[in-house]
Protein backbone atom coordinates (compact mmCIF):
# COMPACT_ATOMS: atom_id res chain seq x y z
CA UNK A 1 0.00 0.00 0.00
CA UNK A 2 1.03 3.55 -0.50
CA UNK A 3 1.70 6.38 1.91
CA UNK A 4 -1.48 8.04 0.58
CA UNK A 5 -3.58 4.98 1.41
CA UNK A 6 -2.12 4.76 4.91
CA UNK A 7 -2.67 8.47 5.51
CA UNK A 8 -6.25 8.23 4.25
CA UNK A 9 -6.86 5.26 6.52
CA UNK A 10 -5.55 7.20 9.53
CA UNK A 11 -7.73 10.19 8.63
CA UNK A 12 -10.74 7.89 8.31
CA UNK A 13 -10.02 6.46 11.74
CA UNK A 14 -10.15 10.02 13.08
CA UNK A 15 -13.46 10.71 11.26
CA UNK A 16 -11.78 13.37 9.07
CA UNK A 17 -13.78 12.40 6.01
CA UNK A 18 -13.04 15.34 3.69
CA UNK A 19 -9.29 14.88 4.04
CA UNK A 20 -9.59 11.08 3.89
CA UNK A 21 -11.55 11.30 0.63
CA UNK A 22 -8.87 13.55 -0.89
CA UNK A 23 -6.10 11.12 0.09
CA UNK A 24 -8.03 8.07 -1.12
CA UNK A 25 -8.61 9.82 -4.45
CA UNK A 26 -4.87 10.34 -4.77
CA UNK A 27 -4.23 6.69 -3.85
CA UNK A 28 -6.74 5.61 -6.52
CA UNK A 29 -4.93 7.80 -9.03
CA UNK A 30 -1.66 6.07 -8.13
CA UNK A 31 -3.15 2.53 -8.03
CA UNK A 32 -6.17 2.58 -10.36
CA UNK A 33 -6.47 -1.22 -10.54
CA UNK A 34 -6.59 -1.78 -6.77
CA UNK A 35 -10.17 -2.55 -5.81
CA UNK A 36 -9.43 -2.28 -2.07
CA UNK A 37 -8.29 1.33 -2.45
CA UNK A 38 -11.36 2.07 -4.58
CA UNK A 39 -13.55 0.42 -1.93
CA UNK A 40 -12.04 2.53 0.84
CA UNK A 41 -12.69 5.69 -1.17
CA UNK A 42 -16.31 4.60 -1.56
CA UNK A 43 -16.59 3.85 2.14
CA UNK A 44 -15.15 7.26 3.09
CA UNK A 45 -17.66 8.96 0.81
CA UNK A 46 -20.42 6.87 2.37
CA UNK A 47 -19.35 7.81 5.89
CA UNK A 48 -19.06 11.46 4.82
CA UNK A 49 -22.70 11.32 3.73
CA UNK A 50 -22.18 11.57 -0.04
CA UNK A 51 -24.31 8.60 -1.06
CA UNK A 52 -24.41 9.38 -4.79
CA UNK A 53 -20.63 9.52 -5.10
CA UNK A 54 -20.26 6.47 -2.85
CA UNK A 55 -22.52 4.37 -5.10
CA UNK A 56 -20.41 5.27 -8.13
CA UNK A 57 -17.16 4.40 -6.36
CA UNK A 58 -18.56 1.15 -4.92
CA UNK A 59 -19.57 0.14 -8.45
CA UNK A 60 -16.03 0.85 -9.68
CA UNK A 61 -14.57 -1.23 -6.85
CA UNK A 62 -16.89 -4.13 -7.65
CA UNK A 63 -15.94 -3.95 -11.33
CA UNK A 64 -12.25 -4.14 -10.38
CA UNK A 65 -12.69 -7.12 -8.05
CA UNK A 66 -12.17 -10.56 -9.55
CA UNK A 67 -14.90 -12.17 -7.44
CA UNK A 68 -18.00 -11.01 -5.58
CA UNK A 69 -16.41 -8.85 -2.89
CA UNK A 70 -17.70 -8.99 0.69
CA UNK A 71 -18.40 -5.26 0.69
CA UNK A 72 -21.16 -5.54 -1.92
CA UNK A 73 -23.73 -5.36 0.90
CA UNK A 74 -22.70 -1.72 1.48
CA UNK A 75 -23.75 -0.91 -2.07
CA UNK A 76 -27.03 -2.72 -1.45
CA UNK A 77 -27.52 -0.54 1.65
CA UNK A 78 -26.97 2.62 -0.37
CA UNK A 79 -29.32 1.52 -3.10
CA UNK A 80 -31.99 0.91 -0.47
CA UNK A 81 -31.21 4.35 1.08
CA UNK A 82 -30.22 2.92 4.43
CA UNK A 83 -28.37 5.39 6.64
CA UNK A 84 -24.74 4.80 7.39
CA UNK A 85 -24.33 2.99 10.72
CA UNK A 86 -20.85 4.49 11.28
CA UNK A 87 -19.37 1.01 11.71
CA UNK A 88 -15.70 0.66 11.07
CA UNK A 89 -14.86 -1.59 8.14
PDB file of N, CA and C in Angstrom:
ATOM      1  N   UNK A   1       0.835  -1.185   0.000  1.00  0.00           N
ATOM      2  CA  UNK A   1       0.000   0.000   0.000  1.00  0.00           C
ATOM      3  C   UNK A   1       0.877   1.244   0.000  1.00  0.00           C
ATOM      4  N   UNK A   2       0.283   2.306  -0.378  1.00  0.00           N
ATOM      5  CA  UNK A   2       1.031   3.550  -0.496  1.00  0.00           C
ATOM      6  C   UNK A   2       0.901   4.413   0.761  1.00  0.00           C
ATOM      7  N   UNK A   3       1.781   5.386   0.833  1.00  0.00           N
ATOM      8  CA  UNK A   3       1.705   6.377   1.905  1.00  0.00           C
ATOM      9  C   UNK A   3       0.336   7.046   1.893  1.00  0.00           C
ATOM     10  N   UNK A   4      -0.177   7.370   0.704  1.00  0.00           N
ATOM     11  CA  UNK A   4      -1.482   8.043   0.584  1.00  0.00           C
ATOM     12  C   UNK A   4      -2.594   7.183   1.163  1.00  0.00           C
ATOM     13  N   UNK A   5      -2.563   5.886   0.873  1.00  0.00           N
ATOM     14  CA  UNK A   5      -3.579   4.980   1.410  1.00  0.00           C
ATOM     15  C   UNK A   5      -3.494   4.950   2.930  1.00  0.00           C
ATOM     16  N   UNK A   6      -2.289   4.822   3.449  1.00  0.00           N
ATOM     17  CA  UNK A   6      -2.118   4.762   4.906  1.00  0.00           C
ATOM     18  C   UNK A   6      -2.560   6.056   5.580  1.00  0.00           C
ATOM     19  N   UNK A   7      -2.242   7.187   4.974  1.00  0.00           N
ATOM     20  CA  UNK A   7      -2.675   8.475   5.515  1.00  0.00           C
ATOM     21  C   UNK A   7      -4.197   8.575   5.472  1.00  0.00           C
ATOM     22  N   UNK A   8      -4.792   8.186   4.370  1.00  0.00           N
ATOM     23  CA  UNK A   8      -6.251   8.226   4.248  1.00  0.00           C
ATOM     24  C   UNK A   8      -6.902   7.330   5.291  1.00  0.00           C
ATOM     25  N   UNK A   9      -6.324   6.178   5.513  1.00  0.00           N
ATOM     26  CA  UNK A   9      -6.861   5.258   6.520  1.00  0.00           C
ATOM     27  C   UNK A   9      -6.797   5.889   7.917  1.00  0.00           C
ATOM     28  N   UNK A  10      -5.687   6.523   8.233  1.00  0.00           N
ATOM     29  CA  UNK A  10      -5.546   7.198   9.531  1.00  0.00           C
ATOM     30  C   UNK A  10      -6.557   8.334   9.668  1.00  0.00           C
ATOM     31  N   UNK A  11      -6.753   9.099   8.602  1.00  0.00           N
ATOM     32  CA  UNK A  11      -7.731  10.185   8.631  1.00  0.00           C
ATOM     33  C   UNK A  11      -9.148   9.647   8.798  1.00  0.00           C
ATOM     34  N   UNK A  12      -9.430   8.526   8.151  1.00  0.00           N
ATOM     35  CA  UNK A  12     -10.744   7.892   8.311  1.00  0.00           C
ATOM     36  C   UNK A  12     -10.962   7.456   9.754  1.00  0.00           C
ATOM     37  N   UNK A  13      -9.930   6.902  10.345  1.00  0.00           N
ATOM     38  CA  UNK A  13     -10.023   6.457  11.740  1.00  0.00           C
ATOM     39  C   UNK A  13     -10.307   7.617  12.683  1.00  0.00           C
ATOM     40  N   UNK A  14      -9.913   8.818  12.277  1.00  0.00           N
ATOM     41  CA  UNK A  14     -10.150  10.019  13.082  1.00  0.00           C
ATOM     42  C   UNK A  14     -11.421  10.752  12.647  1.00  0.00           C
ATOM     43  N   UNK A  15     -12.216  10.127  11.778  1.00  0.00           N
ATOM     44  CA  UNK A  15     -13.459  10.713  11.256  1.00  0.00           C
ATOM     45  C   UNK A  15     -13.228  12.038  10.527  1.00  0.00           C
ATOM     46  N   UNK A  16     -12.097  12.178   9.869  1.00  0.00           N
ATOM     47  CA  UNK A  16     -11.780  13.372   9.071  1.00  0.00           C
ATOM     48  C   UNK A  16     -12.050  13.025   7.605  1.00  0.00           C
ATOM     49  N   UNK A  17     -13.344  12.963   7.283  1.00  0.00           N
ATOM     50  CA  UNK A  17     -13.783  12.397   6.008  1.00  0.00           C
ATOM     51  C   UNK A  17     -13.363  13.211   4.796  1.00  0.00           C
ATOM     52  N   UNK A  18     -13.432  14.539   4.854  1.00  0.00           N
ATOM     53  CA  UNK A  18     -13.039  15.339   3.690  1.00  0.00           C
ATOM     54  C   UNK A  18     -11.586  15.091   3.317  1.00  0.00           C
ATOM     55  N   UNK A  19     -10.717  15.113   4.304  1.00  0.00           N
ATOM     56  CA  UNK A  19      -9.292  14.883   4.043  1.00  0.00           C
ATOM     57  C   UNK A  19      -9.039  13.434   3.628  1.00  0.00           C
ATOM     58  N   UNK A  20      -9.754  12.487   4.257  1.00  0.00           N
ATOM     59  CA  UNK A  20      -9.595  11.078   3.891  1.00  0.00           C
ATOM     60  C   UNK A  20      -9.986  10.854   2.436  1.00  0.00           C
ATOM     61  N   UNK A  21     -11.099  11.436   2.017  1.00  0.00           N
ATOM     62  CA  UNK A  21     -11.550  11.297   0.629  1.00  0.00           C
ATOM     63  C   UNK A  21     -10.475  11.825  -0.327  1.00  0.00           C
ATOM     64  N   UNK A  22      -9.913  12.977  -0.026  1.00  0.00           N
ATOM     65  CA  UNK A  22      -8.873  13.549  -0.890  1.00  0.00           C
ATOM     66  C   UNK A  22      -7.667  12.609  -1.001  1.00  0.00           C
ATOM     67  N   UNK A  23      -7.252  12.034   0.111  1.00  0.00           N
ATOM     68  CA  UNK A  23      -6.096  11.121   0.087  1.00  0.00           C
ATOM     69  C   UNK A  23      -6.427   9.814  -0.620  1.00  0.00           C
ATOM     70  N   UNK A  24      -7.637   9.291  -0.404  1.00  0.00           N
ATOM     71  CA  UNK A  24      -8.028   8.070  -1.121  1.00  0.00           C
ATOM     72  C   UNK A  24      -8.092   8.331  -2.623  1.00  0.00           C
ATOM     73  N   UNK A  25      -8.573   9.500  -3.014  1.00  0.00           N
ATOM     74  CA  UNK A  25      -8.610   9.823  -4.447  1.00  0.00           C
ATOM     75  C   UNK A  25      -7.199   9.822  -5.041  1.00  0.00           C
ATOM     76  N   UNK A  26      -6.257  10.354  -4.302  1.00  0.00           N
ATOM     77  CA  UNK A  26      -4.873  10.338  -4.772  1.00  0.00           C
ATOM     78  C   UNK A  26      -4.340   8.902  -4.828  1.00  0.00           C
ATOM     79  N   UNK A  27      -4.662   8.094  -3.845  1.00  0.00           N
ATOM     80  CA  UNK A  27      -4.230   6.693  -3.851  1.00  0.00           C
ATOM     81  C   UNK A  27      -4.839   5.943  -5.036  1.00  0.00           C
ATOM     82  N   UNK A  28      -6.100   6.225  -5.353  1.00  0.00           N
ATOM     83  CA  UNK A  28      -6.740   5.606  -6.517  1.00  0.00           C
ATOM     84  C   UNK A  28      -6.044   6.060  -7.801  1.00  0.00           C
ATOM     85  N   UNK A  29      -5.654   7.317  -7.854  1.00  0.00           N
ATOM     86  CA  UNK A  29      -4.929   7.802  -9.033  1.00  0.00           C
ATOM     87  C   UNK A  29      -3.614   7.046  -9.208  1.00  0.00           C
ATOM     88  N   UNK A  30      -2.943   6.771  -8.083  1.00  0.00           N
ATOM     89  CA  UNK A  30      -1.663   6.066  -8.132  1.00  0.00           C
ATOM     90  C   UNK A  30      -1.817   4.569  -8.389  1.00  0.00           C
ATOM     91  N   UNK A  31      -2.909   3.980  -7.903  1.00  0.00           N
ATOM     92  CA  UNK A  31      -3.148   2.534  -8.026  1.00  0.00           C
ATOM     93  C   UNK A  31      -4.557   2.300  -8.565  1.00  0.00           C
ATOM     94  N   UNK A  32      -4.804   2.637  -9.820  1.00  0.00           N
ATOM     95  CA  UNK A  32      -6.168   2.583 -10.359  1.00  0.00           C
ATOM     96  C   UNK A  32      -6.769   1.181 -10.461  1.00  0.00           C
ATOM     97  N   UNK A  33      -5.952   0.145 -10.423  1.00  0.00           N
ATOM     98  CA  UNK A  33      -6.468  -1.221 -10.540  1.00  0.00           C
ATOM     99  C   UNK A  33      -6.706  -1.893  -9.196  1.00  0.00           C
ATOM    100  N   UNK A  34      -6.449  -1.191  -8.100  1.00  0.00           N
ATOM    101  CA  UNK A  34      -6.587  -1.784  -6.768  1.00  0.00           C
ATOM    102  C   UNK A  34      -8.007  -1.599  -6.242  1.00  0.00           C
ATOM    103  N   UNK A  35      -8.781  -2.677  -6.225  1.00  0.00           N
ATOM    104  CA  UNK A  35     -10.168  -2.547  -5.808  1.00  0.00           C
ATOM    105  C   UNK A  35     -10.306  -2.197  -4.330  1.00  0.00           C
ATOM    106  N   UNK A  36      -9.342  -2.593  -3.508  1.00  0.00           N
ATOM    107  CA  UNK A  36      -9.431  -2.281  -2.073  1.00  0.00           C
ATOM    108  C   UNK A  36      -9.301  -0.774  -1.832  1.00  0.00           C
ATOM    109  N   UNK A  37      -8.427  -0.126  -2.570  1.00  0.00           N
ATOM    110  CA  UNK A  37      -8.292   1.326  -2.452  1.00  0.00           C
ATOM    111  C   UNK A  37      -9.565   2.002  -2.935  1.00  0.00           C
ATOM    112  N   UNK A  38     -10.104   1.520  -4.042  1.00  0.00           N
ATOM    113  CA  UNK A  38     -11.357   2.065  -4.575  1.00  0.00           C
ATOM    114  C   UNK A  38     -12.485   1.872  -3.565  1.00  0.00           C
ATOM    115  N   UNK A  39     -12.539   0.700  -2.946  1.00  0.00           N
ATOM    116  CA  UNK A  39     -13.554   0.421  -1.927  1.00  0.00           C
ATOM    117  C   UNK A  39     -13.434   1.395  -0.750  1.00  0.00           C
ATOM    118  N   UNK A  40     -12.225   1.633  -0.295  1.00  0.00           N
ATOM    119  CA  UNK A  40     -12.037   2.533   0.840  1.00  0.00           C
ATOM    120  C   UNK A  40     -12.425   3.962   0.497  1.00  0.00           C
ATOM    121  N   UNK A  41     -12.205   4.385  -0.733  1.00  0.00           N
ATOM    122  CA  UNK A  41     -12.694   5.689  -1.172  1.00  0.00           C
ATOM    123  C   UNK A  41     -14.220   5.710  -1.094  1.00  0.00           C
ATOM    124  N   UNK A  42     -14.843   4.676  -1.605  1.00  0.00           N
ATOM    125  CA  UNK A  42     -16.313   4.602  -1.559  1.00  0.00           C
ATOM    126  C   UNK A  42     -16.821   4.634  -0.127  1.00  0.00           C
ATOM    127  N   UNK A  43     -16.168   3.899   0.736  1.00  0.00           N
ATOM    128  CA  UNK A  43     -16.589   3.851   2.136  1.00  0.00           C
ATOM    129  C   UNK A  43     -16.436   5.219   2.800  1.00  0.00           C
ATOM    130  N   UNK A  44     -15.352   5.921   2.520  1.00  0.00           N
ATOM    131  CA  UNK A  44     -15.152   7.257   3.090  1.00  0.00           C
ATOM    132  C   UNK A  44     -16.230   8.219   2.598  1.00  0.00           C
ATOM    133  N   UNK A  45     -16.578   8.119   1.335  1.00  0.00           N
ATOM    134  CA  UNK A  45     -17.656   8.957   0.809  1.00  0.00           C
ATOM    135  C   UNK A  45     -18.980   8.628   1.490  1.00  0.00           C
ATOM    136  N   UNK A  46     -19.219   7.349   1.692  1.00  0.00           N
ATOM    137  CA  UNK A  46     -20.424   6.873   2.374  1.00  0.00           C
ATOM    138  C   UNK A  46     -20.490   7.427   3.794  1.00  0.00           C
ATOM    139  N   UNK A  47     -19.391   7.305   4.516  1.00  0.00           N
ATOM    140  CA  UNK A  47     -19.351   7.806   5.892  1.00  0.00           C
ATOM    141  C   UNK A  47     -19.480   9.324   5.939  1.00  0.00           C
ATOM    142  N   UNK A  48     -18.979  10.000   4.925  1.00  0.00           N
ATOM    143  CA  UNK A  48     -19.063  11.459   4.824  1.00  0.00           C
ATOM    144  C   UNK A  48     -20.500  11.908   4.555  1.00  0.00           C
ATOM    145  N   UNK A  49     -21.311  10.993   4.019  1.00  0.00           N
ATOM    146  CA  UNK A  49     -22.703  11.316   3.726  1.00  0.00           C
ATOM    147  C   UNK A  49     -22.977  11.606   2.265  1.00  0.00           C
ATOM    148  N   UNK A  50     -22.023  11.333   1.391  1.00  0.00           N
ATOM    149  CA  UNK A  50     -22.179  11.568  -0.039  1.00  0.00           C
ATOM    150  C   UNK A  50     -22.567  10.254  -0.719  1.00  0.00           C
ATOM    151  N   UNK A  51     -23.832   9.899  -0.578  1.00  0.00           N
ATOM    152  CA  UNK A  51     -24.308   8.599  -1.064  1.00  0.00           C
ATOM    153  C   UNK A  51     -24.168   8.449  -2.571  1.00  0.00           C
ATOM    154  N   UNK A  52     -24.476   9.484  -3.328  1.00  0.00           N
ATOM    155  CA  UNK A  52     -24.411   9.380  -4.789  1.00  0.00           C
ATOM    156  C   UNK A  52     -22.987   9.075  -5.260  1.00  0.00           C
ATOM    157  N   UNK A  53     -22.025   9.779  -4.722  1.00  0.00           N
ATOM    158  CA  UNK A  53     -20.632   9.522  -5.099  1.00  0.00           C
ATOM    159  C   UNK A  53     -20.182   8.156  -4.599  1.00  0.00           C
ATOM    160  N   UNK A  54     -20.643   7.766  -3.413  1.00  0.00           N
ATOM    161  CA  UNK A  54     -20.262   6.469  -2.852  1.00  0.00           C
ATOM    162  C   UNK A  54     -20.751   5.328  -3.734  1.00  0.00           C
ATOM    163  N   UNK A  55     -21.980   5.418  -4.226  1.00  0.00           N
ATOM    164  CA  UNK A  55     -22.516   4.369  -5.103  1.00  0.00           C
ATOM    165  C   UNK A  55     -21.625   4.217  -6.325  1.00  0.00           C
ATOM    166  N   UNK A  56     -21.261   5.307  -6.939  1.00  0.00           N
ATOM    167  CA  UNK A  56     -20.414   5.271  -8.126  1.00  0.00           C
ATOM    168  C   UNK A  56     -19.069   4.606  -7.835  1.00  0.00           C
ATOM    169  N   UNK A  57     -18.466   4.964  -6.721  1.00  0.00           N
ATOM    170  CA  UNK A  57     -17.161   4.396  -6.365  1.00  0.00           C
ATOM    171  C   UNK A  57     -17.262   2.930  -5.947  1.00  0.00           C
ATOM    172  N   UNK A  58     -18.353   2.566  -5.247  1.00  0.00           N
ATOM    173  CA  UNK A  58     -18.564   1.149  -4.918  1.00  0.00           C
ATOM    174  C   UNK A  58     -18.690   0.335  -6.202  1.00  0.00           C
ATOM    175  N   UNK A  59     -19.408   0.862  -7.180  1.00  0.00           N
ATOM    176  CA  UNK A  59     -19.570   0.144  -8.449  1.00  0.00           C
ATOM    177  C   UNK A  59     -18.224  -0.035  -9.147  1.00  0.00           C
ATOM    178  N   UNK A  60     -17.373   0.975  -9.092  1.00  0.00           N
ATOM    179  CA  UNK A  60     -16.030   0.845  -9.684  1.00  0.00           C
ATOM    180  C   UNK A  60     -15.218  -0.227  -8.953  1.00  0.00           C
ATOM    181  N   UNK A  61     -15.300  -0.239  -7.637  1.00  0.00           N
ATOM    182  CA  UNK A  61     -14.568  -1.235  -6.848  1.00  0.00           C
ATOM    183  C   UNK A  61     -15.041  -2.640  -7.186  1.00  0.00           C
ATOM    184  N   UNK A  62     -16.340  -2.819  -7.308  1.00  0.00           N
ATOM    185  CA  UNK A  62     -16.890  -4.128  -7.648  1.00  0.00           C
ATOM    186  C   UNK A  62     -16.425  -4.558  -9.029  1.00  0.00           C
ATOM    187  N   UNK A  63     -16.400  -3.630  -9.975  1.00  0.00           N
ATOM    188  CA  UNK A  63     -15.942  -3.949 -11.332  1.00  0.00           C
ATOM    189  C   UNK A  63     -14.471  -4.369 -11.341  1.00  0.00           C
ATOM    190  N   UNK A  64     -13.675  -3.789 -10.443  1.00  0.00           N
ATOM    191  CA  UNK A  64     -12.250  -4.137 -10.375  1.00  0.00           C
ATOM    192  C   UNK A  64     -11.996  -5.475  -9.689  1.00  0.00           C
ATOM    193  N   UNK A  65     -12.889  -5.875  -8.802  1.00  0.00           N
ATOM    194  CA  UNK A  65     -12.691  -7.118  -8.046  1.00  0.00           C
ATOM    195  C   UNK A  65     -12.864  -8.325  -8.968  1.00  0.00           C
ATOM    196  N   UNK A  66     -12.098  -9.354  -8.733  1.00  0.00           N
ATOM    197  CA  UNK A  66     -12.169 -10.561  -9.554  1.00  0.00           C
ATOM    198  C   UNK A  66     -13.340 -11.466  -9.166  1.00  0.00           C
ATOM    199  N   UNK A  67     -13.781 -11.362  -7.927  1.00  0.00           N
ATOM    200  CA  UNK A  67     -14.900 -12.171  -7.438  1.00  0.00           C
ATOM    201  C   UNK A  67     -15.898 -11.246  -6.757  1.00  0.00           C
ATOM    202  N   UNK A  68     -17.001 -11.812  -6.290  1.00  0.00           N
ATOM    203  CA  UNK A  68     -17.997 -11.012  -5.584  1.00  0.00           C
ATOM    204  C   UNK A  68     -17.400 -10.577  -4.244  1.00  0.00           C
ATOM    205  N   UNK A  69     -17.065  -9.311  -4.119  1.00  0.00           N
ATOM    206  CA  UNK A  69     -16.407  -8.849  -2.894  1.00  0.00           C
ATOM    207  C   UNK A  69     -17.361  -8.797  -1.708  1.00  0.00           C
ATOM    208  N   UNK A  70     -16.840  -8.975  -0.502  1.00  0.00           N
ATOM    209  CA  UNK A  70     -17.697  -8.986   0.688  1.00  0.00           C
ATOM    210  C   UNK A  70     -18.362  -7.646   0.970  1.00  0.00           C
ATOM    211  N   UNK A  71     -17.836  -6.567   0.405  1.00  0.00           N
ATOM    212  CA  UNK A  71     -18.405  -5.257   0.687  1.00  0.00           C
ATOM    213  C   UNK A  71     -19.608  -4.912  -0.189  1.00  0.00           C
ATOM    214  N   UNK A  72     -20.039  -5.839  -1.027  1.00  0.00           N
ATOM    215  CA  UNK A  72     -21.156  -5.543  -1.918  1.00  0.00           C
ATOM    216  C   UNK A  72     -22.431  -5.201  -1.139  1.00  0.00           C
ATOM    217  N   UNK A  73     -22.550  -5.682   0.098  1.00  0.00           N
ATOM    218  CA  UNK A  73     -23.731  -5.357   0.901  1.00  0.00           C
ATOM    219  C   UNK A  73     -23.803  -3.863   1.202  1.00  0.00           C
ATOM    220  N   UNK A  74     -22.679  -3.180   1.269  1.00  0.00           N
ATOM    221  CA  UNK A  74     -22.697  -1.719   1.479  1.00  0.00           C
ATOM    222  C   UNK A  74     -23.376  -1.027   0.307  1.00  0.00           C
ATOM    223  N   UNK A  75     -23.102  -1.483  -0.904  1.00  0.00           N
ATOM    224  CA  UNK A  75     -23.754  -0.910  -2.069  1.00  0.00           C
ATOM    225  C   UNK A  75     -25.246  -1.192  -2.009  1.00  0.00           C
ATOM    226  N   UNK A  76     -25.614  -2.393  -1.608  1.00  0.00           N
ATOM    227  CA  UNK A  76     -27.032  -2.717  -1.453  1.00  0.00           C
ATOM    228  C   UNK A  76     -27.691  -1.780  -0.442  1.00  0.00           C
ATOM    229  N   UNK A  77     -26.999  -1.480   0.653  1.00  0.00           N
ATOM    230  CA  UNK A  77     -27.524  -0.541   1.653  1.00  0.00           C
ATOM    231  C   UNK A  77     -27.783   0.827   1.030  1.00  0.00           C
ATOM    232  N   UNK A  78     -26.820   1.305   0.253  1.00  0.00           N
ATOM    233  CA  UNK A  78     -26.972   2.619  -0.370  1.00  0.00           C
ATOM    234  C   UNK A  78     -28.123   2.634  -1.362  1.00  0.00           C
ATOM    235  N   UNK A  79     -28.236   1.583  -2.120  1.00  0.00           N
ATOM    236  CA  UNK A  79     -29.319   1.522  -3.103  1.00  0.00           C
ATOM    237  C   UNK A  79     -30.682   1.497  -2.430  1.00  0.00           C
ATOM    238  N   UNK A  80     -30.729   0.959  -1.224  1.00  0.00           N
ATOM    239  CA  UNK A  80     -31.986   0.915  -0.474  1.00  0.00           C
ATOM    240  C   UNK A  80     -32.121   2.125   0.450  1.00  0.00           C
ATOM    241  N   UNK A  81     -31.189   3.094   0.304  1.00  0.00           N
ATOM    242  CA  UNK A  81     -31.207   4.348   1.079  1.00  0.00           C
ATOM    243  C   UNK A  81     -31.171   4.126   2.574  1.00  0.00           C
ATOM    244  N   UNK A  82     -30.419   3.134   3.005  1.00  0.00           N
ATOM    245  CA  UNK A  82     -30.225   2.921   4.434  1.00  0.00           C
ATOM    246  C   UNK A  82     -29.172   3.890   4.939  1.00  0.00           C
ATOM    247  N   UNK A  83     -29.377   4.462   6.108  1.00  0.00           N
ATOM    248  CA  UNK A  83     -28.369   5.389   6.640  1.00  0.00           C
ATOM    249  C   UNK A  83     -27.110   4.647   7.036  1.00  0.00           C
ATOM    250  N   UNK A  84     -26.024   5.348   6.989  1.00  0.00           N
ATOM    251  CA  UNK A  84     -24.738   4.798   7.395  1.00  0.00           C
ATOM    252  C   UNK A  84     -24.764   4.531   8.893  1.00  0.00           C
ATOM    253  N   UNK A  85     -24.319   3.360   9.300  1.00  0.00           N
ATOM    254  CA  UNK A  85     -24.334   2.993  10.718  1.00  0.00           C
ATOM    255  C   UNK A  85     -23.070   3.442  11.446  1.00  0.00           C
ATOM    256  N   UNK A  86     -22.124   4.026  10.716  1.00  0.00           N
ATOM    257  CA  UNK A  86     -20.848   4.492  11.280  1.00  0.00           C
ATOM    258  C   UNK A  86     -19.997   3.346  11.830  1.00  0.00           C
ATOM    259  N   UNK A  87     -20.221   2.133  11.320  1.00  0.00           N
ATOM    260  CA  UNK A  87     -19.368   1.007  11.708  1.00  0.00           C
ATOM    261  C   UNK A  87     -18.042   1.126  11.013  1.00  0.00           C
ATOM    262  N   UNK A  88     -17.030   0.711  11.682  1.00  0.00           N
ATOM    263  CA  UNK A  88     -15.695   0.659  11.071  1.00  0.00           C
ATOM    264  C   UNK A  88     -15.645  -0.570  10.179  1.00  0.00           C
ATOM    265  N   UNK A  89     -15.020  -0.436   9.038  1.00  0.00           N
ATOM    266  CA  UNK A  89     -14.864  -1.587   8.137  1.00  0.00           C
ATOM    267  C   UNK A  89     -13.447  -2.044   8.137  1.00  0.00           C
TER     268      UNK A  89
END
